[in-house]
């Protein structure tokens, strides 16, 4: 068995990974459905505010980009959860 981290660190990483998956998963869903609560977090250039069509396109693009980024981050935390769960199992069996 390959022991990378101790029992306390693996438990901490597991808990943080679970929380991050929940939080980023919910944020991805909310950005995907274009929740107005996150409108301040969008990146829209100042010159796009003067034309309504450009503004709506920039709004849609920003929501989509952030939703994908949150989903990718949640997926990476799933990998972290798997590694830290494996380390918990290794520490328990050694």
PDB file of N, CA and C in Angstrom:
ATOM      1  N   UNK A   1       0.829  -1.189   0.000  1.00  0.00           N
ATOM      2  CA  UNK A   1       0.000   0.000   0.000  1.00  0.00           C
ATOM      3  C   UNK A   1       0.875   1.254   0.000  1.00  0.00           C
ATOM      4  N   UNK A   2       0.462   2.227  -0.780  1.00  0.00           N
ATOM      5  CA  UNK A   2       1.229   3.471  -0.898  1.00  0.00           C
ATOM      6  C   UNK A   2       0.594   4.543  -0.022  1.00  0.00           C
ATOM      7  N   UNK A   3       1.262   4.873   1.063  1.00  0.00           N
ATOM      8  CA  UNK A   3       0.761   5.869   1.997  1.00  0.00           C
ATOM      9  C   UNK A   3       1.329   7.234   1.620  1.00  0.00           C
ATOM     10  N   UNK A   4       0.472   8.175   1.264  1.00  0.00           N
ATOM     11  CA  UNK A   4       0.904   9.514   0.857  1.00  0.00           C
ATOM     12  C   UNK A   4       0.723  10.512   2.001  1.00  0.00           C
ATOM     13  N   UNK A   5      -0.397  10.418   2.708  1.00  0.00           N
ATOM     14  CA  UNK A   5      -0.657  11.341   3.809  1.00  0.00           C
ATOM     15  C   UNK A   5      -1.226  10.574   4.998  1.00  0.00           C
ATOM     16  N   UNK A   6      -1.196  11.221   6.135  1.00  0.00           N
ATOM     17  CA  UNK A   6      -1.654  10.590   7.366  1.00  0.00           C
ATOM     18  C   UNK A   6      -3.163  10.598   7.500  1.00  0.00           C
ATOM     19  N   UNK A   7      -3.646  10.019   8.595  1.00  0.00           N
ATOM     20  CA  UNK A   7      -5.096   9.897   8.771  1.00  0.00           C
ATOM     21  C   UNK A   7      -5.815  11.238   8.964  1.00  0.00           C
ATOM     22  N   UNK A   8      -5.181  12.173   9.666  1.00  0.00           N
ATOM     23  CA  UNK A   8      -5.832  13.467   9.902  1.00  0.00           C
ATOM     24  C   UNK A   8      -5.922  14.293   8.630  1.00  0.00           C
ATOM     25  N   UNK A   9      -4.845  14.300   7.852  1.00  0.00           N
ATOM     26  CA  UNK A   9      -4.850  15.060   6.597  1.00  0.00           C
ATOM     27  C   UNK A   9      -5.828  14.450   5.593  1.00  0.00           C
ATOM     28  N   UNK A  10      -5.869  13.135   5.529  1.00  0.00           N
ATOM     29  CA  UNK A  10      -6.798  12.502   4.585  1.00  0.00           C
ATOM     30  C   UNK A  10      -8.248  12.758   4.986  1.00  0.00           C
ATOM     31  N   UNK A  11      -8.529  12.777   6.295  1.00  0.00           N
ATOM     32  CA  UNK A  11      -9.885  13.103   6.752  1.00  0.00           C
ATOM     33  C   UNK A  11     -10.240  14.548   6.422  1.00  0.00           C
ATOM     34  N   UNK A  12      -9.292  15.459   6.651  1.00  0.00           N
ATOM     35  CA  UNK A  12      -9.519  16.877   6.347  1.00  0.00           C
ATOM     36  C   UNK A  12      -9.776  17.087   4.857  1.00  0.00           C
ATOM     37  N   UNK A  13      -8.965  16.447   4.017  1.00  0.00           N
ATOM     38  CA  UNK A  13      -9.140  16.576   2.567  1.00  0.00           C
ATOM     39  C   UNK A  13     -10.466  15.980   2.108  1.00  0.00           C
ATOM     40  N   UNK A  14     -10.889  14.902   2.743  1.00  0.00           N
ATOM     41  CA  UNK A  14     -12.173  14.289   2.406  1.00  0.00           C
ATOM     42  C   UNK A  14     -13.327  15.223   2.731  1.00  0.00           C
ATOM     43  N   UNK A  15     -13.290  15.807   3.917  1.00  0.00           N
ATOM     44  CA  UNK A  15     -14.366  16.723   4.328  1.00  0.00           C
ATOM     45  C   UNK A  15     -14.399  17.957   3.427  1.00  0.00           C
ATOM     46  N   UNK A  16     -13.225  18.531   3.155  1.00  0.00           N
ATOM     47  CA  UNK A  16     -13.176  19.711   2.282  1.00  0.00           C
ATOM     48  C   UNK A  16     -13.646  19.383   0.868  1.00  0.00           C
ATOM     49  N   UNK A  17     -13.309  18.197   0.387  1.00  0.00           N
ATOM     50  CA  UNK A  17     -13.725  17.797  -0.956  1.00  0.00           C
ATOM     51  C   UNK A  17     -15.241  17.648  -1.044  1.00  0.00           C
ATOM     52  N   UNK A  18     -15.831  17.039  -0.037  1.00  0.00           N
ATOM     53  CA  UNK A  18     -17.290  16.876  -0.038  1.00  0.00           C
ATOM     54  C   UNK A  18     -17.966  18.242  -0.040  1.00  0.00           C
ATOM     55  N   UNK A  19     -17.478  19.152   0.811  1.00  0.00           N
ATOM     56  CA  UNK A  19     -18.070  20.489   0.857  1.00  0.00           C
ATOM     57  C   UNK A  19     -17.896  21.222  -0.473  1.00  0.00           C
ATOM     58  N   UNK A  20     -16.718  21.113  -1.078  1.00  0.00           N
ATOM     59  CA  UNK A  20     -16.460  21.798  -2.345  1.00  0.00           C
ATOM     60  C   UNK A  20     -17.327  21.233  -3.469  1.00  0.00           C
ATOM     61  N   UNK A  21     -17.532  19.917  -3.477  1.00  0.00           N
ATOM     62  CA  UNK A  21     -18.391  19.313  -4.501  1.00  0.00           C
ATOM     63  C   UNK A  21     -19.813  19.833  -4.372  1.00  0.00           C
ATOM     64  N   UNK A  22     -20.305  19.903  -3.149  1.00  0.00           N
ATOM     65  CA  UNK A  22     -21.674  20.414  -2.925  1.00  0.00           C
ATOM     66  C   UNK A  22     -21.773  21.875  -3.357  1.00  0.00           C
ATOM     67  N   UNK A  23     -20.846  22.700  -2.867  1.00  0.00           N
ATOM     68  CA  UNK A  23     -20.907  24.130  -3.158  1.00  0.00           C
ATOM     69  C   UNK A  23     -20.732  24.419  -4.643  1.00  0.00           C
ATOM     70  N   UNK A  24     -19.705  23.864  -5.260  1.00  0.00           N
ATOM     71  CA  UNK A  24     -19.457  24.146  -6.671  1.00  0.00           C
ATOM     72  C   UNK A  24     -20.509  23.513  -7.567  1.00  0.00           C
ATOM     73  N   UNK A  25     -21.043  22.373  -7.164  1.00  0.00           N
ATOM     74  CA  UNK A  25     -22.135  21.768  -7.929  1.00  0.00           C
ATOM     75  C   UNK A  25     -23.374  22.654  -7.934  1.00  0.00           C
ATOM     76  N   UNK A  26     -23.716  23.172  -6.760  1.00  0.00           N
ATOM     77  CA  UNK A  26     -24.871  24.083  -6.685  1.00  0.00           C
ATOM     78  C   UNK A  26     -24.612  25.376  -7.457  1.00  0.00           C
ATOM     79  N   UNK A  27     -23.402  25.897  -7.348  1.00  0.00           N
ATOM     80  CA  UNK A  27     -23.087  27.119  -8.100  1.00  0.00           C
ATOM     81  C   UNK A  27     -23.154  26.878  -9.600  1.00  0.00           C
ATOM     82  N   UNK A  28     -22.689  25.721 -10.058  1.00  0.00           N
ATOM     83  CA  UNK A  28     -22.776  25.400 -11.485  1.00  0.00           C
ATOM     84  C   UNK A  28     -24.230  25.354 -11.940  1.00  0.00           C
ATOM     85  N   UNK A  29     -25.084  24.765 -11.117  1.00  0.00           N
ATOM     86  CA  UNK A  29     -26.509  24.694 -11.459  1.00  0.00           C
ATOM     87  C   UNK A  29     -27.113  26.097 -11.508  1.00  0.00           C
ATOM     88  N   UNK A  30     -26.798  26.915 -10.505  1.00  0.00           N
ATOM     89  CA  UNK A  30     -27.372  28.258 -10.459  1.00  0.00           C
ATOM     90  C   UNK A  30     -26.876  29.143 -11.602  1.00  0.00           C
ATOM     91  N   UNK A  31     -25.614  29.002 -11.977  1.00  0.00           N
ATOM     92  CA  UNK A  31     -25.128  29.760 -13.132  1.00  0.00           C
ATOM     93  C   UNK A  31     -25.740  29.221 -14.418  1.00  0.00           C
ATOM     94  N   UNK A  32     -25.963  27.919 -14.486  1.00  0.00           N
ATOM     95  CA  UNK A  32     -26.561  27.316 -15.686  1.00  0.00           C
ATOM     96  C   UNK A  32     -27.987  27.822 -15.904  1.00  0.00           C
ATOM     97  N   UNK A  33     -28.748  28.002 -14.820  1.00  0.00           N
ATOM     98  CA  UNK A  33     -30.129  28.484 -14.946  1.00  0.00           C
ATOM     99  C   UNK A  33     -30.213  30.011 -14.909  1.00  0.00           C
ATOM    100  N   UNK A  34     -29.051  30.662 -14.956  1.00  0.00           N
ATOM    101  CA  UNK A  34     -28.954  32.133 -15.010  1.00  0.00           C
ATOM    102  C   UNK A  34     -29.589  32.809 -13.796  1.00  0.00           C
ATOM    103  N   UNK A  35     -29.186  32.397 -12.607  1.00  0.00           N
ATOM    104  CA  UNK A  35     -29.718  32.972 -11.381  1.00  0.00           C
ATOM    105  C   UNK A  35     -29.295  34.437 -11.247  1.00  0.00           C
ATOM    106  N   UNK A  36     -30.249  35.327 -11.007  1.00  0.00           N
ATOM    107  CA  UNK A  36     -29.904  36.750 -10.872  1.00  0.00           C
ATOM    108  C   UNK A  36     -29.105  37.051  -9.608  1.00  0.00           C
ATOM    109  N   UNK A  37     -29.045  36.121  -8.663  1.00  0.00           N
ATOM    110  CA  UNK A  37     -28.281  36.348  -7.438  1.00  0.00           C
ATOM    111  C   UNK A  37     -26.785  36.459  -7.722  1.00  0.00           C
ATOM    112  N   UNK A  38     -26.328  35.878  -8.828  1.00  0.00           N
ATOM    113  CA  UNK A  38     -24.908  35.881  -9.159  1.00  0.00           C
ATOM    114  C   UNK A  38     -24.536  36.911 -10.225  1.00  0.00           C
ATOM    115  N   UNK A  39     -25.402  37.857 -10.498  1.00  0.00           N
ATOM    116  CA  UNK A  39     -25.144  38.798 -11.595  1.00  0.00           C
ATOM    117  C   UNK A  39     -23.923  39.681 -11.323  1.00  0.00           C
ATOM    118  N   UNK A  40     -23.613  39.923 -10.053  1.00  0.00           N
ATOM    119  CA  UNK A  40     -22.445  40.745  -9.727  1.00  0.00           C
ATOM    120  C   UNK A  40     -21.138  40.001  -9.979  1.00  0.00           C
ATOM    121  N   UNK A  41     -21.182  38.685 -10.099  1.00  0.00           N
ATOM    122  CA  UNK A  41     -19.981  37.881 -10.322  1.00  0.00           C
ATOM    123  C   UNK A  41     -19.653  37.700 -11.799  1.00  0.00           C
ATOM    124  N   UNK A  42     -20.466  38.234 -12.677  1.00  0.00           N
ATOM    125  CA  UNK A  42     -20.241  38.067 -14.108  1.00  0.00           C
ATOM    126  C   UNK A  42     -19.211  39.059 -14.610  1.00  0.00           C
ATOM    127  N   UNK A  43     -18.464  38.631 -15.623  1.00  0.00           N
ATOM    128  CA  UNK A  43     -17.477  39.522 -16.237  1.00  0.00           C
ATOM    129  C   UNK A  43     -18.050  40.041 -17.551  1.00  0.00           C
ATOM    130  N   UNK A  44     -18.405  41.313 -17.530  1.00  0.00           N
ATOM    131  CA  UNK A  44     -18.954  41.971 -18.719  1.00  0.00           C
ATOM    132  C   UNK A  44     -18.173  43.266 -18.921  1.00  0.00           C
ATOM    133  N   UNK A  45     -17.651  43.459 -20.119  1.00  0.00           N
ATOM    134  CA  UNK A  45     -16.877  44.661 -20.418  1.00  0.00           C
ATOM    135  C   UNK A  45     -17.771  45.895 -20.388  1.00  0.00           C
ATOM    136  N   UNK A  46     -17.164  47.038 -20.088  1.00  0.00           N
ATOM    137  CA  UNK A  46     -17.916  48.287 -19.985  1.00  0.00           C
ATOM    138  C   UNK A  46     -18.526  48.720 -21.312  1.00  0.00           C
ATOM    139  N   UNK A  47     -17.850  48.434 -22.426  1.00  0.00           N
ATOM    140  CA  UNK A  47     -18.374  48.877 -23.715  1.00  0.00           C
ATOM    141  C   UNK A  47     -19.583  48.044 -24.157  1.00  0.00           C
ATOM    142  N   UNK A  48     -19.846  46.919 -23.489  1.00  0.00           N
ATOM    143  CA  UNK A  48     -21.022  46.108 -23.824  1.00  0.00           C
ATOM    144  C   UNK A  48     -22.290  46.603 -23.139  1.00  0.00           C
ATOM    145  N   UNK A  49     -22.168  47.558 -22.214  1.00  0.00           N
ATOM    146  CA  UNK A  49     -23.342  48.057 -21.495  1.00  0.00           C
ATOM    147  C   UNK A  49     -24.195  49.013 -22.327  1.00  0.00           C
ATOM    148  N   UNK A  50     -23.666  49.533 -23.410  1.00  0.00           N
ATOM    149  CA  UNK A  50     -24.382  50.550 -24.182  1.00  0.00           C
ATOM    150  C   UNK A  50     -25.307  49.960 -25.240  1.00  0.00           C
ATOM    151  N   UNK A  51     -25.052  48.752 -25.657  1.00  0.00           N
ATOM    152  CA  UNK A  51     -25.882  48.096 -26.666  1.00  0.00           C
ATOM    153  C   UNK A  51     -26.581  46.908 -26.010  1.00  0.00           C
ATOM    154  N   UNK A  52     -27.910  46.892 -26.062  1.00  0.00           N
ATOM    155  CA  UNK A  52     -28.681  45.850 -25.372  1.00  0.00           C
ATOM    156  C   UNK A  52     -28.379  44.456 -25.916  1.00  0.00           C
ATOM    157  N   UNK A  53     -28.228  44.342 -27.215  1.00  0.00           N
ATOM    158  CA  UNK A  53     -27.962  43.025 -27.814  1.00  0.00           C
ATOM    159  C   UNK A  53     -26.586  42.497 -27.403  1.00  0.00           C
ATOM    160  N   UNK A  54     -25.587  43.373 -27.414  1.00  0.00           N
ATOM    161  CA  UNK A  54     -24.247  42.971 -26.981  1.00  0.00           C
ATOM    162  C   UNK A  54     -24.236  42.619 -25.490  1.00  0.00           C
ATOM    163  N   UNK A  55     -24.978  43.390 -24.709  1.00  0.00           N
ATOM    164  CA  UNK A  55     -25.034  43.151 -23.274  1.00  0.00           C
ATOM    165  C   UNK A  55     -25.650  41.789 -22.975  1.00  0.00           C
ATOM    166  N   UNK A  56     -26.753  41.461 -23.625  1.00  0.00           N
ATOM    167  CA  UNK A  56     -27.403  40.171 -23.384  1.00  0.00           C
ATOM    168  C   UNK A  56     -26.532  39.009 -23.850  1.00  0.00           C
ATOM    169  N   UNK A  57     -25.819  39.191 -24.954  1.00  0.00           N
ATOM    170  CA  UNK A  57     -24.910  38.148 -25.428  1.00  0.00           C
ATOM    171  C   UNK A  57     -23.748  37.963 -24.454  1.00  0.00           C
ATOM    172  N   UNK A  58     -23.184  39.073 -23.958  1.00  0.00           N
ATOM    173  CA  UNK A  58     -22.090  38.999 -22.981  1.00  0.00           C
ATOM    174  C   UNK A  58     -22.571  38.383 -21.669  1.00  0.00           C
ATOM    175  N   UNK A  59     -23.790  38.695 -21.274  1.00  0.00           N
ATOM    176  CA  UNK A  59     -24.387  38.124 -20.068  1.00  0.00           C
ATOM    177  C   UNK A  59     -24.527  36.617 -20.205  1.00  0.00           C
ATOM    178  N   UNK A  60     -25.061  36.178 -21.334  1.00  0.00           N
ATOM    179  CA  UNK A  60     -25.250  34.749 -21.588  1.00  0.00           C
ATOM    180  C   UNK A  60     -23.914  34.005 -21.657  1.00  0.00           C
ATOM    181  N   UNK A  61     -22.948  34.598 -22.335  1.00  0.00           N
ATOM    182  CA  UNK A  61     -21.625  33.979 -22.442  1.00  0.00           C
ATOM    183  C   UNK A  61     -20.952  33.862 -21.084  1.00  0.00           C
ATOM    184  N   UNK A  62     -21.052  34.896 -20.283  1.00  0.00           N
ATOM    185  CA  UNK A  62     -20.428  34.885 -18.970  1.00  0.00           C
ATOM    186  C   UNK A  62     -21.073  33.846 -18.052  1.00  0.00           C
ATOM    187  N   UNK A  63     -22.400  33.776 -18.053  1.00  0.00           N
ATOM    188  CA  UNK A  63     -23.097  32.758 -17.249  1.00  0.00           C
ATOM    189  C   UNK A  63     -22.651  31.351 -17.669  1.00  0.00           C
ATOM    190  N   UNK A  64     -22.588  31.101 -18.969  1.00  0.00           N
ATOM    191  CA  UNK A  64     -22.218  29.776 -19.469  1.00  0.00           C
ATOM    192  C   UNK A  64     -20.780  29.423 -19.109  1.00  0.00           C
ATOM    193  N   UNK A  65     -19.877  30.365 -19.264  1.00  0.00           N
ATOM    194  CA  UNK A  65     -18.470  30.114 -18.966  1.00  0.00           C
ATOM    195  C   UNK A  65     -18.266  29.793 -17.489  1.00  0.00           C
ATOM    196  N   UNK A  66     -18.890  30.564 -16.638  1.00  0.00           N
ATOM    197  CA  UNK A  66     -18.726  30.339 -15.201  1.00  0.00           C
ATOM    198  C   UNK A  66     -19.383  29.028 -14.787  1.00  0.00           C
ATOM    199  N   UNK A  67     -20.512  28.667 -15.380  1.00  0.00           N
ATOM    200  CA  UNK A  67     -21.162  27.397 -15.068  1.00  0.00           C
ATOM    201  C   UNK A  67     -20.261  26.219 -15.427  1.00  0.00           C
ATOM    202  N   UNK A  68     -19.631  26.283 -16.580  1.00  0.00           N
ATOM    203  CA  UNK A  68     -18.715  25.214 -16.998  1.00  0.00           C
ATOM    204  C   UNK A  68     -17.498  25.164 -16.077  1.00  0.00           C
ATOM    205  N   UNK A  69     -16.961  26.327 -15.717  1.00  0.00           N
ATOM    206  CA  UNK A  69     -15.806  26.358 -14.822  1.00  0.00           C
ATOM    207  C   UNK A  69     -16.134  25.761 -13.450  1.00  0.00           C
ATOM    208  N   UNK A  70     -17.307  26.059 -12.929  1.00  0.00           N
ATOM    209  CA  UNK A  70     -17.713  25.484 -11.641  1.00  0.00           C
ATOM    210  C   UNK A  70     -17.895  23.972 -11.755  1.00  0.00           C
ATOM    211  N   UNK A  71     -18.459  23.506 -12.850  1.00  0.00           N
ATOM    212  CA  UNK A  71     -18.646  22.068 -13.036  1.00  0.00           C
ATOM    213  C   UNK A  71     -17.300  21.350 -13.152  1.00  0.00           C
ATOM    214  N   UNK A  72     -16.363  21.937 -13.866  1.00  0.00           N
ATOM    215  CA  UNK A  72     -15.023  21.345 -13.979  1.00  0.00           C
ATOM    216  C   UNK A  72     -14.345  21.304 -12.610  1.00  0.00           C
ATOM    217  N   UNK A  73     -14.464  22.371 -11.853  1.00  0.00           N
ATOM    218  CA  UNK A  73     -13.870  22.400 -10.513  1.00  0.00           C
ATOM    219  C   UNK A  73     -14.493  21.355  -9.604  1.00  0.00           C
ATOM    220  N   UNK A  74     -15.802  21.184  -9.686  1.00  0.00           N
ATOM    221  CA  UNK A  74     -16.461  20.147  -8.888  1.00  0.00           C
ATOM    222  C   UNK A  74     -15.963  18.765  -9.290  1.00  0.00           C
ATOM    223  N   UNK A  75     -15.748  18.556 -10.575  1.00  0.00           N
ATOM    224  CA  UNK A  75     -15.206  17.282 -11.044  1.00  0.00           C
ATOM    225  C   UNK A  75     -13.801  17.018 -10.525  1.00  0.00           C
ATOM    226  N   UNK A  76     -12.983  18.060 -10.476  1.00  0.00           N
ATOM    227  CA  UNK A  76     -11.635  17.899  -9.930  1.00  0.00           C
ATOM    228  C   UNK A  76     -11.677  17.588  -8.438  1.00  0.00           C
ATOM    229  N   UNK A  77     -12.648  18.135  -7.748  1.00  0.00           N
ATOM    230  CA  UNK A  77     -12.795  17.800  -6.328  1.00  0.00           C
ATOM    231  C   UNK A  77     -13.295  16.373  -6.130  1.00  0.00           C
ATOM    232  N   UNK A  78     -13.999  15.828  -7.099  1.00  0.00           N
ATOM    233  CA  UNK A  78     -14.368  14.409  -7.032  1.00  0.00           C
ATOM    234  C   UNK A  78     -13.103  13.553  -7.070  1.00  0.00           C
ATOM    235  N   UNK A  79     -12.152  13.938  -7.909  1.00  0.00           N
ATOM    236  CA  UNK A  79     -10.870  13.223  -7.968  1.00  0.00           C
ATOM    237  C   UNK A  79     -10.143  13.347  -6.627  1.00  0.00           C
ATOM    238  N   UNK A  80     -10.136  14.543  -6.063  1.00  0.00           N
ATOM    239  CA  UNK A  80      -9.503  14.750  -4.763  1.00  0.00           C
ATOM    240  C   UNK A  80     -10.184  13.914  -3.683  1.00  0.00           C
ATOM    241  N   UNK A  81     -11.507  13.829  -3.746  1.00  0.00           N
ATOM    242  CA  UNK A  81     -12.244  13.001  -2.797  1.00  0.00           C
ATOM    243  C   UNK A  81     -11.863  11.534  -2.941  1.00  0.00           C
ATOM    244  N   UNK A  82     -11.707  11.071  -4.155  1.00  0.00           N
ATOM    245  CA  UNK A  82     -11.324   9.673  -4.375  1.00  0.00           C
ATOM    246  C   UNK A  82      -9.935   9.388  -3.819  1.00  0.00           C
ATOM    247  N   UNK A  83      -9.003  10.289  -4.054  1.00  0.00           N
ATOM    248  CA  UNK A  83      -7.633  10.088  -3.550  1.00  0.00           C
ATOM    249  C   UNK A  83      -7.604  10.146  -2.031  1.00  0.00           C
ATOM    250  N   UNK A  84      -8.278  11.117  -1.433  1.00  0.00           N
ATOM    251  CA  UNK A  84      -8.260  11.212   0.025  1.00  0.00           C
ATOM    252  C   UNK A  84      -9.053  10.071   0.670  1.00  0.00           C
ATOM    253  N   UNK A  85     -10.114   9.615   0.026  1.00  0.00           N
ATOM    254  CA  UNK A  85     -10.822   8.439   0.531  1.00  0.00           C
ATOM    255  C   UNK A  85      -9.963   7.191   0.462  1.00  0.00           C
ATOM    256  N   UNK A  86      -9.205   7.056  -0.618  1.00  0.00           N
ATOM    257  CA  UNK A  86      -8.268   5.939  -0.745  1.00  0.00           C
ATOM    258  C   UNK A  86      -7.208   6.001   0.358  1.00  0.00           C
ATOM    259  N   UNK A  87      -6.718   7.218   0.638  1.00  0.00           N
ATOM    260  CA  UNK A  87      -5.721   7.369   1.699  1.00  0.00           C
ATOM    261  C   UNK A  87      -6.308   7.058   3.077  1.00  0.00           C
ATOM    262  N   UNK A  88      -7.567   7.399   3.304  1.00  0.00           N
ATOM    263  CA  UNK A  88      -8.217   7.024   4.556  1.00  0.00           C
ATOM    264  C   UNK A  88      -8.276   5.512   4.677  1.00  0.00           C
ATOM    265  N   UNK A  89      -8.602   4.853   3.585  1.00  0.00           N
ATOM    266  CA  UNK A  89      -8.672   3.394   3.581  1.00  0.00           C
ATOM    267  C   UNK A  89      -7.294   2.782   3.827  1.00  0.00           C
ATOM    268  N   UNK A  90      -6.248   3.338   3.205  1.00  0.00           N
ATOM    269  CA  UNK A  90      -4.887   2.844   3.401  1.00  0.00           C
ATOM    270  C   UNK A  90      -4.457   3.032   4.857  1.00  0.00           C
ATOM    271  N   UNK A  91      -4.757   4.190   5.436  1.00  0.00           N
ATOM    272  CA  UNK A  91      -4.377   4.446   6.820  1.00  0.00           C
ATOM    273  C   UNK A  91      -5.149   3.549   7.788  1.00  0.00           C
ATOM    274  N   UNK A  92      -6.379   3.238   7.478  1.00  0.00           N
ATOM    275  CA  UNK A  92      -7.179   2.385   8.344  1.00  0.00           C
ATOM    276  C   UNK A  92      -6.679   0.941   8.315  1.00  0.00           C
ATOM    277  N   UNK A  93      -6.254   0.474   7.156  1.00  0.00           N
ATOM    278  CA  UNK A  93      -5.830  -0.912   7.012  1.00  0.00           C
ATOM    279  C   UNK A  93      -4.361  -1.144   7.322  1.00  0.00           C
ATOM    280  N   UNK A  94      -3.602  -0.090   7.601  1.00  0.00           N
ATOM    281  CA  UNK A  94      -2.173  -0.313   7.895  1.00  0.00           C
ATOM    282  C   UNK A  94      -1.898  -0.339   9.382  1.00  0.00           C
TER     283      UNK A  94
END
